[in-house]
């Protein structure tokens, strides 16, 4: 029987905390520098922008706000800050003639404020891009994996990012720690022949800079 999951990549969606409490919507304000030339989408993973670092203290809305960035490539060992869960509306905080109130994503090379989950204990649901299950003894559970990056939708603003199951590692530092298959009614019955299976996993950000770079790669082992 083939897998039942649809192919619907949508980045890393927050699900709950590691103690199994529901995610309560908490996030922090960050911003994107106009100098950053990569577009950003909801549920993209992001890292601290070490080049630009923060908005100037003369910023009218949020002086000194930390800056983040997305990376338009497959992410393997990069240190991550968190996951984007929304953007502030414009033009309230960007009084320019080209600002758009309705854009659901951050256009490349534009300043924009974003809400980011930077709590290391949030569990996310993410779709795999290939096949992570081969047998009960050889699969991705309790291992780390990279990120397969695809640009998101400029219509919905939703990420196209997926879990890179061709880059599953037992000990090496990777952005995601795979905890288990997401427990939904259509997320089952995967066999080695289902490639890609579009399976969904519960994951933690393993390579989290707030936790001291790669400290989370062995979390839960």
Foldseek 3Di string as FASTA:
>chain_A
DAFQDDQDFFAWAWADFLVRHGPPPDWDKAKAALPFFDKFFANAWKAFDPVVQFADQPQPPDHGGTHIDGDQFKFWQDFTQFGWHFWDAPDVRPPDPPGDRPWGIGHGSDMTMTTGHRDQGTKTKFWEQWDQDADPVGGQAQWAFIKGADQDDRVNRTGRIGTHNVGTDHQDHYQKGFHAFPDDPRQDDDYPPRIRRRTMTIITGQQHVVVPGRPRRNPPD
